[in-house]
Amino acid sequence: MIRAIGLLAALAIGAAIPSLSACSSLIRPLLMVLLGVAFLGLPTHLTKPQPSQAALWIASLALGFTAFAALHHFDRELATIALLLAFLPTATAAPVVTGFLGGDASYVAIMVLGTNLVQPILLALLAPHLAQGAQVRGLWPVVASTLATIGIPFAVAKIAMTVLPPKTATQLRKLRHLSFPLWLLVLVLAMASSVAFLEQQHSQATKVLEIAGVSLVLCVLQFSLGRRIGGARHTIEASQAMGQKNTMIGIWFATAHLSPTIALGPAFYVLWHNLWNAWQLRKPRSELTAPDKA
């Protein structure tokens, strides 16, 4: 619950001081630092891939395209937000939360590695179509930028864990304690950029409420669908792998290649999925793993 309060405060500060949008260029380097720290903390021993993990990936793509098709004629921005939220990779913090809930962190770690290296590239390929070609300067610059943003932190973390002495590597992993305050800073900057953009476009408050509503629906759908795909064996793990999203990538990607308005989708999603997990952590494990009633 403390995290949820911090997230609400960050959203409120960003909304109250839209002039902070002048510092939005810091979002990408902060994201790369956060990803590097997160990759350092992933489990070193991973389990064998499971069929349900492939099913989760396919379901995410199907949900994204279905949501986009359903909302496209109503509001293209809302449709793009829905697709973006479905396509976002699994959050790097998901294995930790899964462990707290009594699940297998290694199962989720495989999803973190796979989706964080693949999903952003899919988004980059779709960017010119999502932005209707108006805000994207060609396909390959977007792909190259995305590869660098995700690949460099992953490569640095992998090399560090390979060549550094174990004691030094252990000390580096402690840097993950800096992740949350840095993430709050990213959220403040993203919210400020979004509000400043909405002011320039003279957008109404109802637009913000619509974006918050779409992100909430996508959050509930993804946690619930993941739970069903995981079945009795991987109920907790699959729910977290599909529902807990790397919203940092979503905010950076939308701000850099789409629009600050679309960045509000993942900004609200980070609040919803943290509230969902705060509620989950208060429940006994027997309830979390109980099969859903038809």
C-alpha atoms as a PDB file:
ATOM      1  CA  MET A   1       0.000   0.000   0.000  1.00  0.00           C
ATOM      2  CA  ILE A   2       2.935   2.346   0.638  1.00  0.00           C
ATOM      3  CA  ARG A   3       3.954   1.888  -3.005  1.00  0.00           C
ATOM      4  CA  ALA A   4       0.458   2.755  -4.176  1.00  0.00           C
ATOM      5  CA  ILE A   5       0.551   5.967  -2.117  1.00  0.00           C
ATOM      6  CA  GLY A   6       3.931   6.838  -3.633  1.00  0.00           C
ATOM      7  CA  LEU A   7       2.584   6.248  -7.131  1.00  0.00           C
ATOM      8  CA  LEU A   8      -0.462   8.432  -6.483  1.00  0.00           C
ATOM      9  CA  ALA A   9       1.816  11.173  -5.153  1.00  0.00           C
ATOM     10  CA  ALA A  10       4.042  10.961  -8.250  1.00  0.00           C
ATOM     11  CA  LEU A  11       1.021  11.215 -10.551  1.00  0.00           C
ATOM     12  CA  ALA A  12      -0.300  14.189  -8.577  1.00  0.00           C
ATOM     13  CA  ILE A  13       3.049  16.030  -8.626  1.00  0.00           C
ATOM     14  CA  GLY A  14       3.451  15.514 -12.371  1.00  0.00           C
ATOM     15  CA  ALA A  15      -0.095  16.725 -13.009  1.00  0.00           C
ATOM     16  CA  ALA A  16       0.371  19.774 -10.783  1.00  0.00           C
ATOM     17  CA  ILE A  17       3.701  20.845 -12.353  1.00  0.00           C
ATOM     18  CA  PRO A  18       3.430  20.317 -16.121  1.00  0.00           C
ATOM     19  CA  SER A  19       6.487  22.553 -16.632  1.00  0.00           C
ATOM     20  CA  LEU A  20       8.577  19.537 -15.577  1.00  0.00           C
ATOM     21  CA  SER A  21       7.903  18.223 -19.077  1.00  0.00           C
ATOM     22  CA  ALA A  22      11.005  20.216 -20.079  1.00  0.00           C
ATOM     23  CA  CYS A  23      13.010  17.424 -18.412  1.00  0.00           C
ATOM     24  CA  SER A  24      11.298  14.595 -20.319  1.00  0.00           C
ATOM     25  CA  SER A  25      14.574  13.842 -22.165  1.00  0.00           C
ATOM     26  CA  LEU A  26      15.712  12.215 -18.898  1.00  0.00           C
ATOM     27  CA  ILE A  27      13.117   9.449 -19.217  1.00  0.00           C
ATOM     28  CA  ARG A  28      15.176   7.291 -21.583  1.00  0.00           C
ATOM     29  CA  PRO A  29      18.494   7.314 -19.614  1.00  0.00           C
ATOM     30  CA  LEU A  30      16.587   6.706 -16.376  1.00  0.00           C
ATOM     31  CA  LEU A  31      14.785   3.793 -18.017  1.00  0.00           C
ATOM     32  CA  MET A  32      18.094   2.273 -19.147  1.00  0.00           C
ATOM     33  CA  VAL A  33      19.493   2.532 -15.606  1.00  0.00           C
ATOM     34  CA  LEU A  34      16.347   0.953 -14.163  1.00  0.00           C
ATOM     35  CA  LEU A  35      16.415  -1.889 -16.684  1.00  0.00           C
ATOM     36  CA  GLY A  36      20.095  -2.556 -16.021  1.00  0.00           C
ATOM     37  CA  VAL A  37      19.508  -2.761 -12.276  1.00  0.00           C
ATOM     38  CA  ALA A  38      16.466  -4.986 -12.811  1.00  0.00           C
ATOM     39  CA  PHE A  39      18.356  -7.389 -15.106  1.00  0.00           C
ATOM     40  CA  LEU A  40      21.058  -7.678 -12.437  1.00  0.00           C
ATOM     41  CA  GLY A  41      18.469  -8.938  -9.979  1.00  0.00           C
ATOM     42  CA  LEU A  42      16.898 -11.679 -12.112  1.00  0.00           C
ATOM     43  CA  PRO A  43      17.320 -15.285 -10.916  1.00  0.00           C
ATOM     44  CA  THR A  44      20.466 -16.931 -12.304  1.00  0.00           C
ATOM     45  CA  HIS A  45      18.915 -20.409 -12.585  1.00  0.00           C
ATOM     46  CA  LEU A  46      15.879 -20.623 -14.834  1.00  0.00           C
ATOM     47  CA  THR A  47      13.466 -23.539 -15.171  1.00  0.00           C
ATOM     48  CA  LYS A  48      12.614 -25.265 -18.432  1.00  0.00           C
ATOM     49  CA  PRO A  49      10.164 -23.243 -20.593  1.00  0.00           C
ATOM     50  CA  GLN A  50       6.538 -24.331 -20.252  1.00  0.00           C
ATOM     51  CA  PRO A  51       3.788 -24.523 -22.924  1.00  0.00           C
ATOM     52  CA  SER A  52       1.692 -22.113 -20.888  1.00  0.00           C
ATOM     53  CA  GLN A  53       4.371 -19.439 -21.343  1.00  0.00           C
ATOM     54  CA  ALA A  54       3.951 -19.575 -25.110  1.00  0.00           C
ATOM     55  CA  ALA A  55       0.179 -19.449 -24.593  1.00  0.00           C
ATOM     56  CA  LEU A  56       0.570 -16.299 -22.479  1.00  0.00           C
ATOM     57  CA  TRP A  57       2.579 -14.606 -25.227  1.00  0.00           C
ATOM     58  CA  ILE A  58       0.040 -15.525 -27.925  1.00  0.00           C
ATOM     59  CA  ALA A  59      -2.845 -14.426 -25.694  1.00  0.00           C
ATOM     60  CA  SER A  60      -1.217 -11.022 -25.143  1.00  0.00           C
ATOM     61  CA  LEU A  61      -0.901 -10.443 -28.879  1.00  0.00           C
ATOM     62  CA  ALA A  62      -4.469 -11.620 -29.506  1.00  0.00           C
ATOM     63  CA  LEU A  63      -5.829  -9.393 -26.739  1.00  0.00           C
ATOM     64  CA  GLY A  64      -3.950  -6.396 -28.105  1.00  0.00           C
ATOM     65  CA  PHE A  65      -5.241  -6.783 -31.650  1.00  0.00           C
ATOM     66  CA  THR A  66      -8.773  -7.570 -30.460  1.00  0.00           C
ATOM     67  CA  ALA A  67      -8.887  -4.515 -28.188  1.00  0.00           C
ATOM     68  CA  PHE A  68      -7.502  -2.306 -30.949  1.00  0.00           C
ATOM     69  CA  ALA A  69     -10.112  -3.555 -33.422  1.00  0.00           C
ATOM     70  CA  ALA A  70     -12.919  -3.043 -30.894  1.00  0.00           C
ATOM     71  CA  LEU A  71     -11.946   0.541 -30.025  1.00  0.00           C
ATOM     72  CA  HIS A  72     -10.522   1.696 -33.351  1.00  0.00           C
ATOM     73  CA  HIS A  73     -13.730   3.233 -34.752  1.00  0.00           C
ATOM     74  CA  PHE A  74     -14.656   4.761 -31.394  1.00  0.00           C
ATOM     75  CA  ASP A  75     -11.331   6.451 -30.525  1.00  0.00           C
ATOM     76  CA  ARG A  76      -8.004   5.685 -32.189  1.00  0.00           C
ATOM     77  CA  GLU A  77      -5.944   6.919 -29.227  1.00  0.00           C
ATOM     78  CA  LEU A  78      -7.799   4.655 -26.802  1.00  0.00           C
ATOM     79  CA  ALA A  79      -7.378   1.762 -29.246  1.00  0.00           C
ATOM     80  CA  THR A  80      -3.636   2.409 -29.448  1.00  0.00           C
ATOM     81  CA  ILE A  81      -3.382   2.567 -25.654  1.00  0.00           C
ATOM     82  CA  ALA A  82      -5.176  -0.788 -25.332  1.00  0.00           C
ATOM     83  CA  LEU A  83      -2.851  -2.422 -27.859  1.00  0.00           C
ATOM     84  CA  LEU A  84       0.224  -0.906 -26.202  1.00  0.00           C
ATOM     85  CA  LEU A  85      -0.796  -2.171 -22.754  1.00  0.00           C
ATOM     86  CA  ALA A  86      -1.416  -5.689 -24.064  1.00  0.00           C
ATOM     87  CA  PHE A  87       1.904  -5.741 -25.932  1.00  0.00           C
ATOM     88  CA  LEU A  88       4.032  -4.474 -23.045  1.00  0.00           C
ATOM     89  CA  PRO A  89       6.557  -7.021 -21.738  1.00  0.00           C
ATOM     90  CA  THR A  90       6.378  -8.569 -18.282  1.00  0.00           C
ATOM     91  CA  ALA A  91       7.598  -6.249 -15.528  1.00  0.00           C
ATOM     92  CA  THR A  92      11.112  -6.889 -14.271  1.00  0.00           C
ATOM     93  CA  ALA A  93       9.731  -6.823 -10.712  1.00  0.00           C
ATOM     94  CA  ALA A  94       7.245  -9.620 -11.457  1.00  0.00           C
ATOM     95  CA  PRO A  95       9.515 -12.490 -10.270  1.00  0.00           C
ATOM     96  CA  VAL A  96       9.933 -10.774  -6.890  1.00  0.00           C
ATOM     97  CA  VAL A  97       6.200 -10.254  -6.441  1.00  0.00           C
ATOM     98  CA  THR A  98       5.568 -13.843  -7.560  1.00  0.00           C
ATOM     99  CA  GLY A  99       7.965 -15.054  -4.872  1.00  0.00           C
ATOM    100  CA  PHE A 100       6.135 -12.996  -2.244  1.00  0.00           C
ATOM    101  CA  LEU A 101       2.877 -14.629  -3.351  1.00  0.00           C
ATOM    102  CA  GLY A 102       4.365 -18.115  -2.995  1.00  0.00           C
ATOM    103  CA  GLY A 103       4.841 -18.838  -6.705  1.00  0.00           C
ATOM    104  CA  ASP A 104       7.819 -19.920  -8.818  1.00  0.00           C
ATOM    105  CA  ALA A 105       9.888 -16.797  -9.548  1.00  0.00           C
ATOM    106  CA  SER A 106      11.928 -18.633 -12.191  1.00  0.00           C
ATOM    107  CA  TYR A 107       8.808 -19.240 -14.320  1.00  0.00           C
ATOM    108  CA  VAL A 108       8.161 -15.508 -14.429  1.00  0.00           C
ATOM    109  CA  ALA A 109      11.850 -14.677 -14.947  1.00  0.00           C
ATOM    110  CA  ILE A 110      11.740 -16.571 -18.255  1.00  0.00           C
ATOM    111  CA  MET A 111       8.798 -14.409 -19.307  1.00  0.00           C
ATOM    112  CA  VAL A 112      10.669 -11.269 -18.247  1.00  0.00           C
ATOM    113  CA  LEU A 113      13.706 -12.109 -20.368  1.00  0.00           C
ATOM    114  CA  GLY A 114      11.738 -13.303 -23.390  1.00  0.00           C
ATOM    115  CA  THR A 115       9.120 -10.564 -23.540  1.00  0.00           C
ATOM    116  CA  ASN A 116      11.484  -7.686 -22.719  1.00  0.00           C
ATOM    117  CA  LEU A 117      13.730  -8.654 -25.618  1.00  0.00           C
ATOM    118  CA  VAL A 118      10.931  -9.364 -28.132  1.00  0.00           C
ATOM    119  CA  GLN A 119       7.863  -7.247 -27.342  1.00  0.00           C
ATOM    120  CA  PRO A 120       9.522  -3.814 -27.673  1.00  0.00           C
ATOM    121  CA  ILE A 121      10.721  -4.762 -31.163  1.00  0.00           C
ATOM    122  CA  LEU A 122       7.163  -5.698 -32.144  1.00  0.00           C
ATOM    123  CA  LEU A 123       6.001  -2.322 -30.864  1.00  0.00           C
ATOM    124  CA  ALA A 124       8.727  -0.605 -32.872  1.00  0.00           C
ATOM    125  CA  LEU A 125       7.564  -2.389 -36.022  1.00  0.00           C
ATOM    126  CA  LEU A 126       3.982  -1.266 -35.370  1.00  0.00           C
ATOM    127  CA  ALA A 127       4.880   2.329 -34.426  1.00  0.00           C
ATOM    128  CA  PRO A 128       4.497   3.879 -37.910  1.00  0.00           C
ATOM    129  CA  HIS A 129       1.009   2.403 -38.198  1.00  0.00           C
ATOM    130  CA  LEU A 130      -0.029   3.340 -34.658  1.00  0.00           C
ATOM    131  CA  ALA A 131       1.156   6.915 -35.140  1.00  0.00           C
ATOM    132  CA  GLN A 132      -0.422   7.013 -38.619  1.00  0.00           C
ATOM    133  CA  GLY A 133       2.998   7.920 -40.019  1.00  0.00           C
ATOM    134  CA  ALA A 134       2.845  11.475 -38.697  1.00  0.00           C
ATOM    135  CA  GLN A 135       5.185  11.323 -35.752  1.00  0.00           C
ATOM    136  CA  VAL A 136       7.619   8.539 -36.622  1.00  0.00           C
ATOM    137  CA  ARG A 137      10.712   9.286 -38.719  1.00  0.00           C
ATOM    138  CA  GLY A 138      10.964   5.952 -40.455  1.00  0.00           C
ATOM    139  CA  LEU A 139      10.842   2.410 -39.132  1.00  0.00           C
ATOM    140  CA  TRP A 140      14.491   1.543 -38.573  1.00  0.00           C
ATOM    141  CA  PRO A 141      15.397   4.532 -36.378  1.00  0.00           C
ATOM    142  CA  VAL A 142      12.593   3.429 -34.037  1.00  0.00           C
ATOM    143  CA  VAL A 143      13.790  -0.195 -34.073  1.00  0.00           C
ATOM    144  CA  ALA A 144      17.414   0.867 -33.487  1.00  0.00           C
ATOM    145  CA  SER A 145      16.420   3.164 -30.631  1.00  0.00           C
ATOM    146  CA  THR A 146      14.339   0.430 -29.018  1.00  0.00           C
ATOM    147  CA  LEU A 147      17.081  -2.179 -29.404  1.00  0.00           C
ATOM    148  CA  ALA A 148      19.610   0.144 -27.791  1.00  0.00           C
ATOM    149  CA  THR A 149      17.284   1.068 -24.927  1.00  0.00           C
ATOM    150  CA  ILE A 150      16.616  -2.574 -24.028  1.00  0.00           C
ATOM    151  CA  GLY A 151      19.732  -4.321 -25.337  1.00  0.00           C
ATOM    152  CA  ILE A 152      22.442  -2.155 -23.784  1.00  0.00           C
ATOM    153  CA  PRO A 153      21.210  -2.555 -20.172  1.00  0.00           C
ATOM    154  CA  PHE A 154      20.743  -6.303 -20.728  1.00  0.00           C
ATOM    155  CA  ALA A 155      24.242  -6.722 -22.215  1.00  0.00           C
ATOM    156  CA  VAL A 156      25.881  -4.652 -19.461  1.00  0.00           C
ATOM    157  CA  ALA A 157      24.092  -6.614 -16.735  1.00  0.00           C
ATOM    158  CA  LYS A 158      24.968  -9.950 -18.353  1.00  0.00           C
ATOM    159  CA  ILE A 159      28.656  -9.040 -18.735  1.00  0.00           C
ATOM    160  CA  ALA A 160      28.820  -7.689 -15.193  1.00  0.00           C
ATOM    161  CA  MET A 161      27.363 -10.864 -13.725  1.00  0.00           C
ATOM    162  CA  THR A 162      29.802 -12.959 -15.791  1.00  0.00           C
ATOM    163  CA  VAL A 163      33.125 -11.191 -15.261  1.00  0.00           C
ATOM    164  CA  LEU A 164      32.800  -9.592 -11.824  1.00  0.00           C
ATOM    165  CA  PRO A 165      33.715 -11.453  -8.603  1.00  0.00           C
ATOM    166  CA  PRO A 166      30.687 -12.885  -6.768  1.00  0.00           C
ATOM    167  CA  LYS A 167      30.986 -10.411  -3.885  1.00  0.00           C
ATOM    168  CA  THR A 168      31.011  -7.450  -6.243  1.00  0.00           C
ATOM    169  CA  ALA A 169      28.051  -8.861  -8.156  1.00  0.00           C
ATOM    170  CA  THR A 170      26.148  -9.231  -4.890  1.00  0.00           C
ATOM    171  CA  GLN A 171      26.824  -5.598  -4.044  1.00  0.00           C
ATOM    172  CA  LEU A 172      25.602  -4.519  -7.477  1.00  0.00           C
ATOM    173  CA  ARG A 173      22.334  -6.394  -6.978  1.00  0.00           C
ATOM    174  CA  LYS A 174      21.671  -4.210  -3.923  1.00  0.00           C
ATOM    175  CA  LEU A 175      21.252  -1.272  -6.290  1.00  0.00           C
ATOM    176  CA  ARG A 176      17.718  -2.529  -6.954  1.00  0.00           C
ATOM    177  CA  HIS A 177      16.682  -0.624  -3.820  1.00  0.00           C
ATOM    178  CA  LEU A 178      17.122   2.540  -5.895  1.00  0.00           C
ATOM    179  CA  SER A 179      14.626   1.323  -8.482  1.00  0.00           C
ATOM    180  CA  PHE A 180      11.456   2.568  -6.828  1.00  0.00           C
ATOM    181  CA  PRO A 181      12.501   6.206  -6.224  1.00  0.00           C
ATOM    182  CA  LEU A 182      13.940   6.387  -9.742  1.00  0.00           C
ATOM    183  CA  TRP A 183      10.729   4.945 -11.125  1.00  0.00           C
ATOM    184  CA  LEU A 184       8.714   7.576  -9.252  1.00  0.00           C
ATOM    185  CA  LEU A 185      10.861  10.246 -10.918  1.00  0.00           C
ATOM    186  CA  VAL A 186      10.127   8.732 -14.338  1.00  0.00           C
ATOM    187  CA  LEU A 187       6.416   8.711 -13.517  1.00  0.00           C
ATOM    188  CA  VAL A 188       6.477  12.376 -12.452  1.00  0.00           C
ATOM    189  CA  LEU A 189       8.173  13.394 -15.726  1.00  0.00           C
ATOM    190  CA  ALA A 190       5.811  11.273 -17.818  1.00  0.00           C
ATOM    191  CA  MET A 191       2.721  12.661 -16.092  1.00  0.00           C
ATOM    192  CA  ALA A 192       4.000  16.230 -16.489  1.00  0.00           C
ATOM    193  CA  SER A 193       4.623  15.660 -20.201  1.00  0.00           C
ATOM    194  CA  SER A 194       1.163  14.177 -20.660  1.00  0.00           C
ATOM    195  CA  VAL A 195      -0.610  17.009 -18.850  1.00  0.00           C
ATOM    196  CA  ALA A 196       1.381  19.663 -20.743  1.00  0.00           C
ATOM    197  CA  PHE A 197       0.467  17.987 -24.035  1.00  0.00           C
ATOM    198  CA  LEU A 198      -3.211  17.767 -23.077  1.00  0.00           C
ATOM    199  CA  GLU A 199      -3.216  21.458 -22.175  1.00  0.00           C
ATOM    200  CA  GLN A 200      -1.765  22.332 -25.568  1.00  0.00           C
ATOM    201  CA  GLN A 201      -4.419  20.235 -27.279  1.00  0.00           C
ATOM    202  CA  HIS A 202      -7.180  21.702 -25.056  1.00  0.00           C
ATOM    203  CA  SER A 203      -8.255  18.187 -24.155  1.00  0.00           C
ATOM    204  CA  GLN A 204     -11.082  17.681 -21.669  1.00  0.00           C
ATOM    205  CA  ALA A 205     -10.878  15.873 -18.334  1.00  0.00           C
ATOM    206  CA  THR A 206     -13.197  13.206 -19.718  1.00  0.00           C
ATOM    207  CA  LYS A 207     -10.348  12.088 -21.991  1.00  0.00           C
ATOM    208  CA  VAL A 208      -8.142  11.378 -18.975  1.00  0.00           C
ATOM    209  CA  LEU A 209     -10.963   9.425 -17.326  1.00  0.00           C
ATOM    210  CA  GLU A 210     -11.460   7.376 -20.492  1.00  0.00           C
ATOM    211  CA  ILE A 211      -7.737   6.523 -20.595  1.00  0.00           C
ATOM    212  CA  ALA A 212      -7.784   5.574 -16.899  1.00  0.00           C
ATOM    213  CA  GLY A 213     -10.831   3.364 -17.542  1.00  0.00           C
ATOM    214  CA  VAL A 214      -9.293   1.570 -20.535  1.00  0.00           C
ATOM    215  CA  SER A 215      -6.077   0.892 -18.613  1.00  0.00           C
ATOM    216  CA  LEU A 216      -8.084  -0.467 -15.657  1.00  0.00           C
ATOM    217  CA  VAL A 217     -10.076  -2.816 -17.901  1.00  0.00           C
ATOM    218  CA  LEU A 218      -6.886  -4.064 -19.580  1.00  0.00           C
ATOM    219  CA  CYS A 219      -5.289  -4.628 -16.166  1.00  0.00           C
ATOM    220  CA  VAL A 220      -8.187  -6.750 -14.892  1.00  0.00           C
ATOM    221  CA  LEU A 221      -8.419  -8.676 -18.171  1.00  0.00           C
ATOM    222  CA  GLN A 222      -4.718  -9.534 -18.270  1.00  0.00           C
ATOM    223  CA  PHE A 223      -4.393 -10.679 -14.664  1.00  0.00           C
ATOM    224  CA  SER A 224      -7.592 -12.732 -14.983  1.00  0.00           C
ATOM    225  CA  LEU A 225      -6.756 -14.228 -18.385  1.00  0.00           C
ATOM    226  CA  GLY A 226      -3.241 -15.103 -17.241  1.00  0.00           C
ATOM    227  CA  ARG A 227      -4.686 -16.873 -14.224  1.00  0.00           C
ATOM    228  CA  ARG A 228      -6.892 -19.031 -16.440  1.00  0.00           C
ATOM    229  CA  ILE A 229      -4.094 -19.856 -18.876  1.00  0.00           C
ATOM    230  CA  GLY A 230      -1.797 -20.893 -16.013  1.00  0.00           C
ATOM    231  CA  GLY A 231      -4.359 -23.359 -14.684  1.00  0.00           C
ATOM    232  CA  ALA A 232      -3.976 -25.100 -11.359  1.00  0.00           C
ATOM    233  CA  ARG A 233      -0.223 -25.592 -11.801  1.00  0.00           C
ATOM    234  CA  HIS A 234       0.845 -22.007 -12.596  1.00  0.00           C
ATOM    235  CA  THR A 235      -2.077 -19.881 -11.380  1.00  0.00           C
ATOM    236  CA  ILE A 236       0.013 -17.243  -9.598  1.00  0.00           C
ATOM    237  CA  GLU A 237       2.934 -17.245 -12.023  1.00  0.00           C
ATOM    238  CA  ALA A 238       0.899 -16.894 -15.219  1.00  0.00           C
ATOM    239  CA  SER A 239      -1.323 -14.194 -13.739  1.00  0.00           C
ATOM    240  CA  GLN A 240       1.718 -12.121 -12.783  1.00  0.00           C
ATOM    241  CA  ALA A 241       3.530 -12.791 -16.056  1.00  0.00           C
ATOM    242  CA  MET A 242       0.612 -11.507 -18.119  1.00  0.00           C
ATOM    243  CA  GLY A 243      -0.816  -8.853 -15.800  1.00  0.00           C
ATOM    244  CA  GLN A 244       2.220  -7.133 -14.324  1.00  0.00           C
ATOM    245  CA  LYS A 245       3.646  -5.012 -17.145  1.00  0.00           C
ATOM    246  CA  ASN A 246       6.899  -3.143 -17.742  1.00  0.00           C
ATOM    247  CA  THR A 247       5.182   0.220 -17.835  1.00  0.00           C
ATOM    248  CA  MET A 248       8.550   2.013 -17.900  1.00  0.00           C
ATOM    249  CA  ILE A 249       9.018   0.850 -21.485  1.00  0.00           C
ATOM    250  CA  GLY A 250       5.452   1.834 -22.338  1.00  0.00           C
ATOM    251  CA  ILE A 251       5.843   5.367 -21.016  1.00  0.00           C
ATOM    252  CA  TRP A 252       9.174   5.903 -22.776  1.00  0.00           C
ATOM    253  CA  PHE A 253       7.960   4.366 -26.039  1.00  0.00           C
ATOM    254  CA  ALA A 254       4.744   6.396 -26.142  1.00  0.00           C
ATOM    255  CA  THR A 255       6.509   9.637 -25.234  1.00  0.00           C
ATOM    256  CA  ALA A 256       9.316   9.107 -27.753  1.00  0.00           C
ATOM    257  CA  HIS A 257       7.440   7.607 -30.712  1.00  0.00           C
ATOM    258  CA  LEU A 258       3.679   8.111 -30.297  1.00  0.00           C
ATOM    259  CA  SER A 259       2.311  10.923 -28.086  1.00  0.00           C
ATOM    260  CA  PRO A 260       2.330  12.006 -24.418  1.00  0.00           C
ATOM    261  CA  THR A 261      -1.416  11.391 -24.310  1.00  0.00           C
ATOM    262  CA  ILE A 262      -0.887   7.710 -25.082  1.00  0.00           C
ATOM    263  CA  ALA A 263       1.771   7.618 -22.345  1.00  0.00           C
ATOM    264  CA  LEU A 264      -1.060   8.208 -19.854  1.00  0.00           C
ATOM    265  CA  GLY A 265      -2.195   4.612 -20.505  1.00  0.00           C
ATOM    266  CA  PRO A 266       0.858   2.913 -18.990  1.00  0.00           C
ATOM    267  CA  ALA A 267       1.079   5.704 -16.381  1.00  0.00           C
ATOM    268  CA  PHE A 268      -2.345   4.733 -15.057  1.00  0.00           C
ATOM    269  CA  TYR A 269      -1.627   1.024 -15.538  1.00  0.00           C
ATOM    270  CA  VAL A 270       1.300   1.185 -13.112  1.00  0.00           C
ATOM    271  CA  LEU A 271      -1.151   2.379 -10.467  1.00  0.00           C
ATOM    272  CA  TRP A 272      -3.734  -0.313 -11.232  1.00  0.00           C
ATOM    273  CA  HIS A 273      -1.326  -3.262 -11.310  1.00  0.00           C
ATOM    274  CA  ASN A 274       0.325  -2.156  -8.062  1.00  0.00           C
ATOM    275  CA  LEU A 275      -3.064  -1.830  -6.369  1.00  0.00           C
ATOM    276  CA  TRP A 276      -3.963  -5.287  -7.719  1.00  0.00           C
ATOM    277  CA  ASN A 277      -0.787  -6.774  -6.246  1.00  0.00           C
ATOM    278  CA  ALA A 278      -1.275  -4.955  -2.946  1.00  0.00           C
ATOM    279  CA  TRP A 279      -4.687  -6.644  -2.742  1.00  0.00           C
ATOM    280  CA  GLN A 280      -3.172 -10.006  -3.750  1.00  0.00           C
ATOM    281  CA  LEU A 281      -0.485  -9.804  -1.063  1.00  0.00           C
ATOM    282  CA  ARG A 282      -3.163  -9.490   1.608  1.00  0.00           C
ATOM    283  CA  LYS A 283      -4.861 -12.746   0.560  1.00  0.00           C
ATOM    284  CA  PRO A 284      -3.867 -16.250   1.741  1.00  0.00           C
ATOM    285  CA  ARG A 285      -2.087 -18.433  -0.829  1.00  0.00           C
ATOM    286  CA  SER A 286      -4.962 -20.953  -0.800  1.00  0.00           C
ATOM    287  CA  GLU A 287      -7.251 -18.307  -2.293  1.00  0.00           C
ATOM    288  CA  LEU A 288      -4.687 -17.241  -4.891  1.00  0.00           C
ATOM    289  CA  THR A 289      -4.259 -20.769  -6.225  1.00  0.00           C
ATOM    290  CA  ALA A 290      -7.924 -21.803  -6.015  1.00  0.00           C
ATOM    291  CA  PRO A 291      -9.453 -22.554  -9.440  1.00  0.00           C
ATOM    292  CA  ASP A 292     -11.786 -19.932 -10.854  1.00  0.00           C
ATOM    293  CA  LYS A 293     -15.492 -20.713 -10.676  1.00  0.00           C
ATOM    294  CA  ALA A 294     -17.204 -21.081 -14.021  1.00  0.00           C
END
